[in-house]
PDB file of N, CA and C in Angstrom:
ATOM      1  N   GLN A   1      20.393   6.791  -5.128  1.00  0.00           N
ATOM      2  CA  GLN A   1      19.546   5.682  -5.585  1.00  0.00           C
ATOM      3  C   GLN A   1      18.223   5.725  -4.822  1.00  0.00           C
ATOM      4  N   VAL A   2      17.141   5.642  -5.558  1.00  0.00           N
ATOM      5  CA  VAL A   2      15.822   5.696  -4.954  1.00  0.00           C
ATOM      6  C   VAL A   2      15.412   4.290  -4.527  1.00  0.00           C
ATOM      7  N   GLN A   3      14.957   4.201  -3.298  1.00  0.00           N
ATOM      8  CA  GLN A   3      14.461   2.925  -2.785  1.00  0.00           C
ATOM      9  C   GLN A   3      13.165   3.150  -2.032  1.00  0.00           C
ATOM     10  N   LEU A   4      12.282   2.165  -2.115  1.00  0.00           N
ATOM     11  CA  LEU A   4      11.040   2.163  -1.360  1.00  0.00           C
ATOM     12  C   LEU A   4      11.074   1.018  -0.369  1.00  0.00           C
ATOM     13  N   LEU A   5      10.473   1.237   0.782  1.00  0.00           N
ATOM     14  CA  LEU A   5      10.425   0.204   1.802  1.00  0.00           C
ATOM     15  C   LEU A   5       9.039   0.151   2.407  1.00  0.00           C
ATOM     16  N   GLU A   6       8.377  -0.990   2.265  1.00  0.00           N
ATOM     17  CA  GLU A   6       7.076  -1.192   2.883  1.00  0.00           C
ATOM     18  C   GLU A   6       7.261  -1.817   4.260  1.00  0.00           C
ATOM     19  N   SER A   7       6.347  -1.497   5.150  1.00  0.00           N
ATOM     20  CA  SER A   7       6.332  -2.116   6.466  1.00  0.00           C
ATOM     21  C   SER A   7       4.914  -2.097   6.999  1.00  0.00           C
ATOM     22  N   GLY A   8       4.711  -2.808   8.098  1.00  0.00           N
ATOM     23  CA  GLY A   8       3.410  -2.791   8.746  1.00  0.00           C
ATOM     24  C   GLY A   8       2.548  -4.014   8.478  1.00  0.00           C
ATOM     25  N   GLY A   9       3.024  -4.891   7.633  1.00  0.00           N
ATOM     26  CA  GLY A   9       2.248  -6.106   7.389  1.00  0.00           C
ATOM     27  C   GLY A   9       2.283  -7.034   8.586  1.00  0.00           C
ATOM     28  N   GLY A  10       1.499  -8.076   8.505  1.00  0.00           N
ATOM     29  CA  GLY A  10       1.458  -9.046   9.588  1.00  0.00           C
ATOM     30  C   GLY A  10       0.203  -9.866   9.517  1.00  0.00           C
ATOM     31  N   LEU A  11      -0.135 -10.441  10.648  1.00  0.00           N
ATOM     32  CA  LEU A  11      -1.312 -11.294  10.759  1.00  0.00           C
ATOM     33  C   LEU A  11      -2.427 -10.531  11.449  1.00  0.00           C
ATOM     34  N   ALA A  12      -3.606 -10.581  10.862  1.00  0.00           N
ATOM     35  CA  ALA A  12      -4.781  -9.954  11.458  1.00  0.00           C
ATOM     36  C   ALA A  12      -5.964 -10.905  11.342  1.00  0.00           C
ATOM     37  N   GLN A  13      -6.908 -10.739  12.218  1.00  0.00           N
ATOM     38  CA  GLN A  13      -8.152 -11.499  12.114  1.00  0.00           C
ATOM     39  C   GLN A  13      -9.118 -10.779  11.196  1.00  0.00           C
ATOM     40  N   ALA A  14     -10.021 -11.513  10.623  1.00  0.00           N
ATOM     41  CA  ALA A  14     -11.060 -10.896   9.811  1.00  0.00           C
ATOM     42  C   ALA A  14     -11.784  -9.838  10.642  1.00  0.00           C
ATOM     43  N   GLY A  15     -11.991  -8.690  10.032  1.00  0.00           N
ATOM     44  CA  GLY A  15     -12.589  -7.564  10.728  1.00  0.00           C
ATOM     45  C   GLY A  15     -11.592  -6.650  11.398  1.00  0.00           C
ATOM     46  N   GLY A  16     -10.347  -7.076  11.437  1.00  0.00           N
ATOM     47  CA  GLY A  16      -9.315  -6.285  12.078  1.00  0.00           C
ATOM     48  C   GLY A  16      -8.702  -5.251  11.149  1.00  0.00           C
ATOM     49  N   SER A  17      -7.633  -4.629  11.627  1.00  0.00           N
ATOM     50  CA  SER A  17      -6.996  -3.543  10.898  1.00  0.00           C
ATOM     51  C   SER A  17      -5.483  -3.692  10.897  1.00  0.00           C
ATOM     52  N   LEU A  18      -4.893  -3.170   9.854  1.00  0.00           N
ATOM     53  CA  LEU A  18      -3.453  -3.011   9.762  1.00  0.00           C
ATOM     54  C   LEU A  18      -3.177  -1.694   9.053  1.00  0.00           C
ATOM     55  N   ARG A  19      -2.040  -1.109   9.348  1.00  0.00           N
ATOM     56  CA  ARG A  19      -1.614   0.080   8.621  1.00  0.00           C
ATOM     57  C   ARG A  19      -0.258  -0.183   7.991  1.00  0.00           C
ATOM     58  N   LEU A  20      -0.239  -0.118   6.674  1.00  0.00           N
ATOM     59  CA  LEU A  20       1.000  -0.281   5.940  1.00  0.00           C
ATOM     60  C   LEU A  20       1.662   1.073   5.722  1.00  0.00           C
ATOM     61  N   SER A  21       2.968   1.063   5.701  1.00  0.00           N
ATOM     62  CA  SER A  21       3.737   2.271   5.426  1.00  0.00           C
ATOM     63  C   SER A  21       4.637   2.034   4.229  1.00  0.00           C
ATOM     64  N   CYS A  22       4.791   3.061   3.437  1.00  0.00           N
ATOM     65  CA  CYS A  22       5.731   3.044   2.308  1.00  0.00           C
ATOM     66  C   CYS A  22       6.643   4.249   2.506  1.00  0.00           C
ATOM     67  N   SER A  23       7.885   3.983   2.853  1.00  0.00           N
ATOM     68  CA  SER A  23       8.846   5.056   3.042  1.00  0.00           C
ATOM     69  C   SER A  23       9.849   5.040   1.890  1.00  0.00           C
ATOM     70  N   ALA A  24      10.481   6.179   1.683  1.00  0.00           N
ATOM     71  CA  ALA A  24      11.393   6.299   0.553  1.00  0.00           C
ATOM     72  C   ALA A  24      12.720   6.895   0.978  1.00  0.00           C
ATOM     73  N   SER A  25      13.743   6.481   0.286  1.00  0.00           N
ATOM     74  CA  SER A  25      15.049   7.128   0.392  1.00  0.00           C
ATOM     75  C   SER A  25      15.470   7.551  -1.006  1.00  0.00           C
ATOM     76  N   GLY A  26      16.153   8.684  -1.070  1.00  0.00           N
ATOM     77  CA  GLY A  26      16.629   9.163  -2.355  1.00  0.00           C
ATOM     78  C   GLY A  26      15.638   9.976  -3.150  1.00  0.00           C
ATOM     79  N   THR A  27      14.446  10.166  -2.621  1.00  0.00           N
ATOM     80  CA  THR A  27      13.461  10.999  -3.299  1.00  0.00           C
ATOM     81  C   THR A  27      12.427  11.469  -2.284  1.00  0.00           C
ATOM     82  N   THR A  28      11.659  12.469  -2.677  1.00  0.00           N
ATOM     83  CA  THR A  28      10.601  13.003  -1.828  1.00  0.00           C
ATOM     84  C   THR A  28       9.272  12.511  -2.361  1.00  0.00           C
ATOM     85  N   LEU A  29       8.575  11.726  -1.561  1.00  0.00           N
ATOM     86  CA  LEU A  29       7.346  11.093  -2.038  1.00  0.00           C
ATOM     87  C   LEU A  29       6.267  12.107  -2.408  1.00  0.00           C
ATOM     88  N   SER A  30       6.274  13.262  -1.799  1.00  0.00           N
ATOM     89  CA  SER A  30       5.246  14.253  -2.124  1.00  0.00           C
ATOM     90  C   SER A  30       5.379  14.766  -3.563  1.00  0.00           C
ATOM     91  N   ASN A  31       6.497  14.485  -4.209  1.00  0.00           N
ATOM     92  CA  ASN A  31       6.698  14.876  -5.609  1.00  0.00           C
ATOM     93  C   ASN A  31       6.221  13.813  -6.592  1.00  0.00           C
ATOM     94  N   HIS A  32       5.685  12.717  -6.061  1.00  0.00           N
ATOM     95  CA  HIS A  32       5.317  11.588  -6.916  1.00  0.00           C
ATOM     96  C   HIS A  32       3.917  11.094  -6.618  1.00  0.00           C
ATOM     97  N   GLY A  33       3.262  10.595  -7.648  1.00  0.00           N
ATOM     98  CA  GLY A  33       2.116   9.736  -7.403  1.00  0.00           C
ATOM     99  C   GLY A  33       2.629   8.388  -6.929  1.00  0.00           C
ATOM    100  N   VAL A  34       1.884   7.759  -6.051  1.00  0.00           N
ATOM    101  CA  VAL A  34       2.292   6.474  -5.488  1.00  0.00           C
ATOM    102  C   VAL A  34       1.131   5.502  -5.617  1.00  0.00           C
ATOM    103  N   ALA A  35       1.465   4.274  -5.933  1.00  0.00           N
ATOM    104  CA  ALA A  35       0.443   3.241  -6.082  1.00  0.00           C
ATOM    105  C   ALA A  35       0.745   2.082  -5.150  1.00  0.00           C
ATOM    106  N   TRP A  36      -0.322   1.468  -4.649  1.00  0.00           N
ATOM    107  CA  TRP A  36      -0.233   0.232  -3.874  1.00  0.00           C
ATOM    108  C   TRP A  36      -0.773  -0.913  -4.733  1.00  0.00           C
ATOM    109  N   TYR A  37      -0.065  -2.016  -4.698  1.00  0.00           N
ATOM    110  CA  TYR A  37      -0.471  -3.231  -5.384  1.00  0.00           C
ATOM    111  C   TYR A  37      -0.464  -4.379  -4.371  1.00  0.00           C
ATOM    112  N   ARG A  38      -1.089  -5.451  -4.744  1.00  0.00           N
ATOM    113  CA  ARG A  38      -1.006  -6.665  -3.934  1.00  0.00           C
ATOM    114  C   ARG A  38      -0.981  -7.880  -4.836  1.00  0.00           C
ATOM    115  N   GLN A  39      -0.346  -8.912  -4.321  1.00  0.00           N
ATOM    116  CA  GLN A  39      -0.232 -10.152  -5.077  1.00  0.00           C
ATOM    117  C   GLN A  39      -0.414 -11.328  -4.137  1.00  0.00           C
ATOM    118  N   ALA A  40      -1.459 -12.084  -4.398  1.00  0.00           N
ATOM    119  CA  ALA A  40      -1.716 -13.310  -3.645  1.00  0.00           C
ATOM    120  C   ALA A  40      -1.002 -14.474  -4.330  1.00  0.00           C
ATOM    121  N   PRO A  41      -0.722 -15.541  -3.598  1.00  0.00           N
ATOM    122  CA  PRO A  41      -0.019 -16.684  -4.197  1.00  0.00           C
ATOM    123  C   PRO A  41      -0.731 -17.214  -5.432  1.00  0.00           C
ATOM    124  N   GLY A  42       0.006 -17.369  -6.505  1.00  0.00           N
ATOM    125  CA  GLY A  42      -0.543 -17.918  -7.732  1.00  0.00           C
ATOM    126  C   GLY A  42      -1.371 -16.961  -8.547  1.00  0.00           C
ATOM    127  N   LYS A  43      -1.429 -15.698  -8.112  1.00  0.00           N
ATOM    128  CA  LYS A  43      -2.239 -14.709  -8.823  1.00  0.00           C
ATOM    129  C   LYS A  43      -1.374 -13.563  -9.325  1.00  0.00           C
ATOM    130  N   GLN A  44      -1.928 -12.782 -10.213  1.00  0.00           N
ATOM    131  CA  GLN A  44      -1.179 -11.643 -10.732  1.00  0.00           C
ATOM    132  C   GLN A  44      -1.157 -10.519  -9.702  1.00  0.00           C
ATOM    133  N   ARG A  45      -0.239  -9.600  -9.910  1.00  0.00           N
ATOM    134  CA  ARG A  45      -0.142  -8.432  -9.045  1.00  0.00           C
ATOM    135  C   ARG A  45      -1.188  -7.403  -9.494  1.00  0.00           C
ATOM    136  N   ASP A  46      -2.038  -7.008  -8.580  1.00  0.00           N
ATOM    137  CA  ASP A  46      -3.156  -6.119  -8.904  1.00  0.00           C
ATOM    138  C   ASP A  46      -3.033  -4.777  -8.201  1.00  0.00           C
ATOM    139  N   LEU A  47      -3.487  -3.761  -8.893  1.00  0.00           N
ATOM    140  CA  LEU A  47      -3.538  -2.425  -8.308  1.00  0.00           C
ATOM    141  C   LEU A  47      -4.611  -2.367  -7.219  1.00  0.00           C
ATOM    142  N   VAL A  48      -4.274  -1.709  -6.112  1.00  0.00           N
ATOM    143  CA  VAL A  48      -5.222  -1.588  -4.995  1.00  0.00           C
ATOM    144  C   VAL A  48      -5.649  -0.143  -4.794  1.00  0.00           C
ATOM    145  N   ALA A  49      -4.678   0.764  -4.780  1.00  0.00           N
ATOM    146  CA  ALA A  49      -4.980   2.160  -4.469  1.00  0.00           C
ATOM    147  C   ALA A  49      -3.898   3.052  -5.047  1.00  0.00           C
ATOM    148  N   THR A  50      -4.280   4.290  -5.305  1.00  0.00           N
ATOM    149  CA  THR A  50      -3.321   5.279  -5.785  1.00  0.00           C
ATOM    150  C   THR A  50      -3.527   6.596  -5.046  1.00  0.00           C
ATOM    151  N   ILE A  51      -2.466   7.370  -5.000  1.00  0.00           N
ATOM    152  CA  ILE A  51      -2.556   8.720  -4.447  1.00  0.00           C
ATOM    153  C   ILE A  51      -1.699   9.618  -5.313  1.00  0.00           C
ATOM    154  N   THR A  52      -2.261  10.754  -5.723  1.00  0.00           N
ATOM    155  CA  THR A  52      -1.539  11.670  -6.595  1.00  0.00           C
ATOM    156  C   THR A  52      -0.732  12.667  -5.769  1.00  0.00           C
ATOM    157  N   THR A  53       0.041  13.490  -6.473  1.00  0.00           N
ATOM    158  CA  THR A  53       0.797  14.534  -5.773  1.00  0.00           C
ATOM    159  C   THR A  53      -0.147  15.524  -5.094  1.00  0.00           C
ATOM    160  N   GLY A  54      -1.338  15.649  -5.626  1.00  0.00           N
ATOM    161  CA  GLY A  54      -2.333  16.526  -5.010  1.00  0.00           C
ATOM    162  C   GLY A  54      -3.188  15.827  -3.977  1.00  0.00           C
ATOM    163  N   ALA A  55      -2.764  14.591  -3.610  1.00  0.00           N
ATOM    164  CA  ALA A  55      -3.461  13.804  -2.584  1.00  0.00           C
ATOM    165  C   ALA A  55      -4.836  13.322  -3.025  1.00  0.00           C
ATOM    166  N   PHE A  56      -5.067  13.313  -4.342  1.00  0.00           N
ATOM    167  CA  PHE A  56      -6.292  12.677  -4.820  1.00  0.00           C
ATOM    168  C   PHE A  56      -6.096  11.163  -4.729  1.00  0.00           C
ATOM    169  N   VAL A  57      -7.072  10.473  -4.160  1.00  0.00           N
ATOM    170  CA  VAL A  57      -6.950   9.032  -3.946  1.00  0.00           C
ATOM    171  C   VAL A  57      -7.979   8.274  -4.762  1.00  0.00           C
ATOM    172  N   ALA A  58      -7.638   7.067  -5.122  1.00  0.00           N
ATOM    173  CA  ALA A  58      -8.552   6.191  -5.845  1.00  0.00           C
ATOM    174  C   ALA A  58      -8.306   4.764  -5.382  1.00  0.00           C
ATOM    175  N   TYR A  59      -9.362   3.954  -5.437  1.00  0.00           N
ATOM    176  CA  TYR A  59      -9.297   2.591  -4.919  1.00  0.00           C
ATOM    177  C   TYR A  59     -10.021   1.648  -5.862  1.00  0.00           C
ATOM    178  N   VAL A  60      -9.582   0.401  -5.843  1.00  0.00           N
ATOM    179  CA  VAL A  60     -10.367  -0.608  -6.546  1.00  0.00           C
ATOM    180  C   VAL A  60     -11.628  -0.866  -5.744  1.00  0.00           C
ATOM    181  N   ASP A  61     -12.651  -1.346  -6.422  1.00  0.00           N
ATOM    182  CA  ASP A  61     -13.949  -1.492  -5.779  1.00  0.00           C
ATOM    183  C   ASP A  61     -13.905  -2.400  -4.554  1.00  0.00           C
ATOM    184  N   SER A  62     -13.059  -3.417  -4.595  1.00  0.00           N
ATOM    185  CA  SER A  62     -13.046  -4.403  -3.516  1.00  0.00           C
ATOM    186  C   SER A  62     -12.552  -3.840  -2.186  1.00  0.00           C
ATOM    187  N   VAL A  63     -11.887  -2.689  -2.200  1.00  0.00           N
ATOM    188  CA  VAL A  63     -11.374  -2.129  -0.949  1.00  0.00           C
ATOM    189  C   VAL A  63     -12.000  -0.774  -0.613  1.00  0.00           C
ATOM    190  N   LYS A  64     -12.845  -0.266  -1.486  1.00  0.00           N
ATOM    191  CA  LYS A  64     -13.482   1.026  -1.223  1.00  0.00           C
ATOM    192  C   LYS A  64     -14.259   0.983   0.079  1.00  0.00           C
ATOM    193  N   GLY A  65     -14.089   2.040   0.873  1.00  0.00           N
ATOM    194  CA  GLY A  65     -14.778   2.108   2.148  1.00  0.00           C
ATOM    195  C   GLY A  65     -14.049   1.392   3.266  1.00  0.00           C
ATOM    196  N   ARG A  66     -13.018   0.630   2.925  1.00  0.00           N
ATOM    197  CA  ARG A  66     -12.268  -0.102   3.958  1.00  0.00           C
ATOM    198  C   ARG A  66     -10.809   0.359   4.043  1.00  0.00           C
ATOM    199  N   PHE A  67     -10.222   0.716   2.904  1.00  0.00           N
ATOM    200  CA  PHE A  67      -8.819   1.127   2.866  1.00  0.00           C
ATOM    201  C   PHE A  67      -8.732   2.641   2.671  1.00  0.00           C
ATOM    202  N   THR A  68      -7.731   3.246   3.286  1.00  0.00           N
ATOM    203  CA  THR A  68      -7.501   4.680   3.147  1.00  0.00           C
ATOM    204  C   THR A  68      -6.030   4.930   2.883  1.00  0.00           C
ATOM    205  N   ASN A  69      -5.779   5.631   1.815  1.00  0.00           N
ATOM    206  CA  ASN A  69      -4.429   5.966   1.370  1.00  0.00           C
ATOM    207  C   ASN A  69      -4.148   7.412   1.779  1.00  0.00           C
ATOM    208  N   SER A  70      -3.010   7.673   2.401  1.00  0.00           N
ATOM    209  CA  SER A  70      -2.732   9.037   2.837  1.00  0.00           C
ATOM    210  C   SER A  70      -1.239   9.310   2.818  1.00  0.00           C
ATOM    211  N   ARG A  71      -0.922  10.599   2.885  1.00  0.00           N
ATOM    212  CA  ARG A  71       0.484  11.028   2.893  1.00  0.00           C
ATOM    213  C   ARG A  71       0.849  11.665   4.227  1.00  0.00           C
ATOM    214  N   ASP A  72       2.072  11.446   4.660  1.00  0.00           N
ATOM    215  CA  ASP A  72       2.677  12.252   5.709  1.00  0.00           C
ATOM    216  C   ASP A  72       3.943  12.823   5.086  1.00  0.00           C
ATOM    217  N   SER A  73       3.820  14.000   4.529  1.00  0.00           N
ATOM    218  CA  SER A  73       4.941  14.586   3.795  1.00  0.00           C
ATOM    219  C   SER A  73       6.122  14.890   4.708  1.00  0.00           C
ATOM    220  N   ALA A  74       5.840  15.245   5.950  1.00  0.00           N
ATOM    221  CA  ALA A  74       6.935  15.561   6.881  1.00  0.00           C
ATOM    222  C   ALA A  74       7.816  14.334   7.126  1.00  0.00           C
ATOM    223  N   LYS A  75       7.177  13.155   7.131  1.00  0.00           N
ATOM    224  CA  LYS A  75       7.921  11.926   7.375  1.00  0.00           C
ATOM    225  C   LYS A  75       8.327  11.218   6.086  1.00  0.00           C
ATOM    226  N   ASN A  76       7.859  11.736   4.956  1.00  0.00           N
ATOM    227  CA  ASN A  76       8.162  11.116   3.657  1.00  0.00           C
ATOM    228  C   ASN A  76       7.632   9.686   3.599  1.00  0.00           C
ATOM    229  N   ILE A  77       6.395   9.524   4.023  1.00  0.00           N
ATOM    230  CA  ILE A  77       5.761   8.209   4.106  1.00  0.00           C
ATOM    231  C   ILE A  77       4.371   8.277   3.485  1.00  0.00           C
ATOM    232  N   ILE A  78       4.001   7.197   2.840  1.00  0.00           N
ATOM    233  CA  ILE A  78       2.634   6.975   2.385  1.00  0.00           C
ATOM    234  C   ILE A  78       2.057   5.870   3.248  1.00  0.00           C
ATOM    235  N   TYR A  79       0.826   6.067   3.710  1.00  0.00           N
ATOM    236  CA  TYR A  79       0.172   5.052   4.529  1.00  0.00           C
ATOM    237  C   TYR A  79      -0.985   4.421   3.768  1.00  0.00           C
ATOM    238  N   LEU A  80      -1.194   3.152   4.028  1.00  0.00           N
ATOM    239  CA  LEU A  80      -2.407   2.474   3.584  1.00  0.00           C
ATOM    240  C   LEU A  80      -3.062   1.881   4.825  1.00  0.00           C
ATOM    241  N   GLN A  81      -4.088   2.561   5.300  1.00  0.00           N
ATOM    242  CA  GLN A  81      -4.849   2.077   6.449  1.00  0.00           C
ATOM    243  C   GLN A  81      -5.870   1.073   5.949  1.00  0.00           C
ATOM    244  N   MET A  82      -5.826  -0.113   6.493  1.00  0.00           N
ATOM    245  CA  MET A  82      -6.717  -1.187   6.038  1.00  0.00           C
ATOM    246  C   MET A  82      -7.594  -1.609   7.192  1.00  0.00           C
ATOM    247  N   ASN A  83      -8.884  -1.364   7.072  1.00  0.00           N
ATOM    248  CA  ASN A  83      -9.850  -1.711   8.105  1.00  0.00           C
ATOM    249  C   ASN A  83     -10.796  -2.789   7.605  1.00  0.00           C
ATOM    250  N   ASN A  84     -11.479  -3.404   8.538  1.00  0.00           N
ATOM    251  CA  ASN A  84     -12.442  -4.452   8.206  1.00  0.00           C
ATOM    252  C   ASN A  84     -11.823  -5.460   7.235  1.00  0.00           C
ATOM    253  N   LEU A  85     -10.666  -5.935   7.593  1.00  0.00           N
ATOM    254  CA  LEU A  85      -9.936  -6.844   6.714  1.00  0.00           C
ATOM    255  C   LEU A  85     -10.691  -8.147   6.488  1.00  0.00           C
ATOM    256  N   LYS A  86     -10.510  -8.694   5.307  1.00  0.00           N
ATOM    257  CA  LYS A  86     -11.136  -9.946   4.918  1.00  0.00           C
ATOM    258  C   LYS A  86     -10.043 -10.946   4.521  1.00  0.00           C
ATOM    259  N   PRO A  87     -10.325 -12.221   4.634  1.00  0.00           N
ATOM    260  CA  PRO A  87      -9.318 -13.210   4.233  1.00  0.00           C
ATOM    261  C   PRO A  87      -8.817 -13.004   2.803  1.00  0.00           C
ATOM    262  N   GLU A  88      -9.686 -12.536   1.932  1.00  0.00           N
ATOM    263  CA  GLU A  88      -9.271 -12.316   0.540  1.00  0.00           C
ATOM    264  C   GLU A  88      -8.335 -11.124   0.376  1.00  0.00           C
ATOM    265  N   ASP A  89      -8.109 -10.365   1.444  1.00  0.00           N
ATOM    266  CA  ASP A  89      -7.109  -9.289   1.397  1.00  0.00           C
ATOM    267  C   ASP A  89      -5.690  -9.833   1.614  1.00  0.00           C
ATOM    268  N   SER A  90      -5.586 -11.093   1.972  1.00  0.00           N
ATOM    269  CA  SER A  90      -4.258 -11.678   2.213  1.00  0.00           C
ATOM    270  C   SER A  90      -3.432 -11.658   0.937  1.00  0.00           C
ATOM    271  N   ALA A  91      -2.237 -11.103   1.027  1.00  0.00           N
ATOM    272  CA  ALA A  91      -1.366 -10.958  -0.135  1.00  0.00           C
ATOM    273  C   ALA A  91      -0.074 -10.280   0.312  1.00  0.00           C
ATOM    274  N   VAL A  92       0.872 -10.242  -0.588  1.00  0.00           N
ATOM    275  CA  VAL A  92       2.025  -9.365  -0.400  1.00  0.00           C
ATOM    276  C   VAL A  92       1.665  -8.011  -0.995  1.00  0.00           C
ATOM    277  N   TYR A  93       1.843  -6.968  -0.221  1.00  0.00           N
ATOM    278  CA  TYR A  93       1.498  -5.617  -0.644  1.00  0.00           C
ATOM    279  C   TYR A  93       2.775  -4.854  -1.010  1.00  0.00           C
ATOM    280  N   TYR A  94       2.700  -4.181  -2.143  1.00  0.00           N
ATOM    281  CA  TYR A  94       3.839  -3.432  -2.668  1.00  0.00           C
ATOM    282  C   TYR A  94       3.447  -1.979  -2.906  1.00  0.00           C
ATOM    283  N   CYS A  95       4.375  -1.071  -2.680  1.00  0.00           N
ATOM    284  CA  CYS A  95       4.179   0.285  -3.155  1.00  0.00           C
ATOM    285  C   CYS A  95       5.098   0.516  -4.358  1.00  0.00           C
ATOM    286  N   ARG A  96       4.684   1.441  -5.174  1.00  0.00           N
ATOM    287  CA  ARG A  96       5.366   1.667  -6.449  1.00  0.00           C
ATOM    288  C   ARG A  96       5.343   3.147  -6.796  1.00  0.00           C
ATOM    289  N   LEU A  97       6.426   3.608  -7.379  1.00  0.00           N
ATOM    290  CA  LEU A  97       6.482   4.941  -7.971  1.00  0.00           C
ATOM    291  C   LEU A  97       6.369   4.756  -9.480  1.00  0.00           C
ATOM    292  N   PRO A  98       5.195   4.954 -10.037  1.00  0.00           N
ATOM    293  CA  PRO A  98       5.047   4.752 -11.481  1.00  0.00           C
ATOM    294  C   PRO A  98       5.959   5.640 -12.312  1.00  0.00           C
ATOM    295  N   SER A  99       6.218   6.849 -11.838  1.00  0.00           N
ATOM    296  CA  SER A  99       7.027   7.788 -12.618  1.00  0.00           C
ATOM    297  C   SER A  99       8.471   7.327 -12.771  1.00  0.00           C
ATOM    298  N   MET A 100       8.920   6.471 -11.850  1.00  0.00           N
ATOM    299  CA  MET A 100      10.305   6.019 -11.882  1.00  0.00           C
ATOM    300  C   MET A 100      10.398   4.505 -12.029  1.00  0.00           C
ATOM    301  N   GLU A 101       9.252   3.845 -12.134  1.00  0.00           N
ATOM    302  CA  GLU A 101       9.206   2.391 -12.245  1.00  0.00           C
ATOM    303  C   GLU A 101      10.012   1.727 -11.127  1.00  0.00           C
ATOM    304  N   ILE A 102       9.755   2.190  -9.923  1.00  0.00           N
ATOM    305  CA  ILE A 102      10.432   1.623  -8.760  1.00  0.00           C
ATOM    306  C   ILE A 102       9.406   0.965  -7.863  1.00  0.00           C
ATOM    307  N   TRP A 103       9.738  -0.232  -7.408  1.00  0.00           N
ATOM    308  CA  TRP A 103       8.894  -1.007  -6.504  1.00  0.00           C
ATOM    309  C   TRP A 103       9.617  -1.219  -5.180  1.00  0.00           C
ATOM    310  N   GLY A 104       8.838  -1.338  -4.130  1.00  0.00           N
ATOM    311  CA  GLY A 104       9.389  -1.804  -2.879  1.00  0.00           C
ATOM    312  C   GLY A 104       9.482  -3.317  -2.879  1.00  0.00           C
ATOM    313  N   GLN A 105       9.970  -3.858  -1.774  1.00  0.00           N
ATOM    314  CA  GLN A 105      10.182  -5.307  -1.706  1.00  0.00           C
ATOM    315  C   GLN A 105       8.928  -6.059  -1.261  1.00  0.00           C
ATOM    316  N   GLY A 106       7.961  -5.329  -0.762  1.00  0.00           N
ATOM    317  CA  GLY A 106       6.702  -5.939  -0.363  1.00  0.00           C
ATOM    318  C   GLY A 106       6.631  -6.258   1.117  1.00  0.00           C
ATOM    319  N   THR A 107       5.411  -6.308   1.616  1.00  0.00           N
ATOM    320  CA  THR A 107       5.156  -6.705   3.001  1.00  0.00           C
ATOM    321  C   THR A 107       3.956  -7.644   3.014  1.00  0.00           C
ATOM    322  N   GLN A 108       4.063  -8.724   3.759  1.00  0.00           N
ATOM    323  CA  GLN A 108       3.036  -9.754   3.768  1.00  0.00           C
ATOM    324  C   GLN A 108       1.894  -9.381   4.698  1.00  0.00           C
ATOM    325  N   VAL A 109       0.691  -9.516   4.194  1.00  0.00           N
ATOM    326  CA  VAL A 109      -0.526  -9.354   4.995  1.00  0.00           C
ATOM    327  C   VAL A 109      -1.283 -10.676   4.953  1.00  0.00           C
ATOM    328  N   THR A 110      -1.583 -11.191   6.116  1.00  0.00           N
ATOM    329  CA  THR A 110      -2.341 -12.429   6.220  1.00  0.00           C
ATOM    330  C   THR A 110      -3.541 -12.186   7.119  1.00  0.00           C
ATOM    331  N   VAL A 111      -4.712 -12.484   6.608  1.00  0.00           N
ATOM    332  CA  VAL A 111      -5.955 -12.272   7.350  1.00  0.00           C
ATOM    333  C   VAL A 111      -6.609 -13.633   7.591  1.00  0.00           C
ATOM    334  N   SER A 112      -6.796 -13.960   8.839  1.00  0.00           N
ATOM    335  CA  SER A 112      -7.401 -15.243   9.186  1.00  0.00           C
ATOM    336  C   SER A 112      -8.902 -15.074   9.402  1.00  0.00           C
ATOM    337  N   SER A 113      -9.629 -16.111   9.069  1.00  0.00           N
ATOM    338  CA  SER A 113     -11.095 -16.045   9.203  1.00  0.00           C
ATOM    339  C   SER A 113     -11.542 -16.470  10.583  1.00  0.00           C
TER     340      SER A 113
END
């Protein structure tokens, strides 16, 4: 059974940094494209970043230049490095395998002003 697990969320001050991790069991992440989403209270779940099997990355405009998506294939982990955090980045962050329609359980990120 394939499962995803996000970690690394927490509380940060505006301008600070957090690094989220998406680890997998039951599959090798380097064989999949992976997407990060976030959902703030009362809002829809939105795409934030993607990384392909070839490590091509893409970001929504609101996080470009601040977030970095990367792979550690040896550890079977996808990272989302988030710098210069803003209060509007506060949300539950999820990773997803689109090819298998599998989501992680999410990790909370809270950014204080």
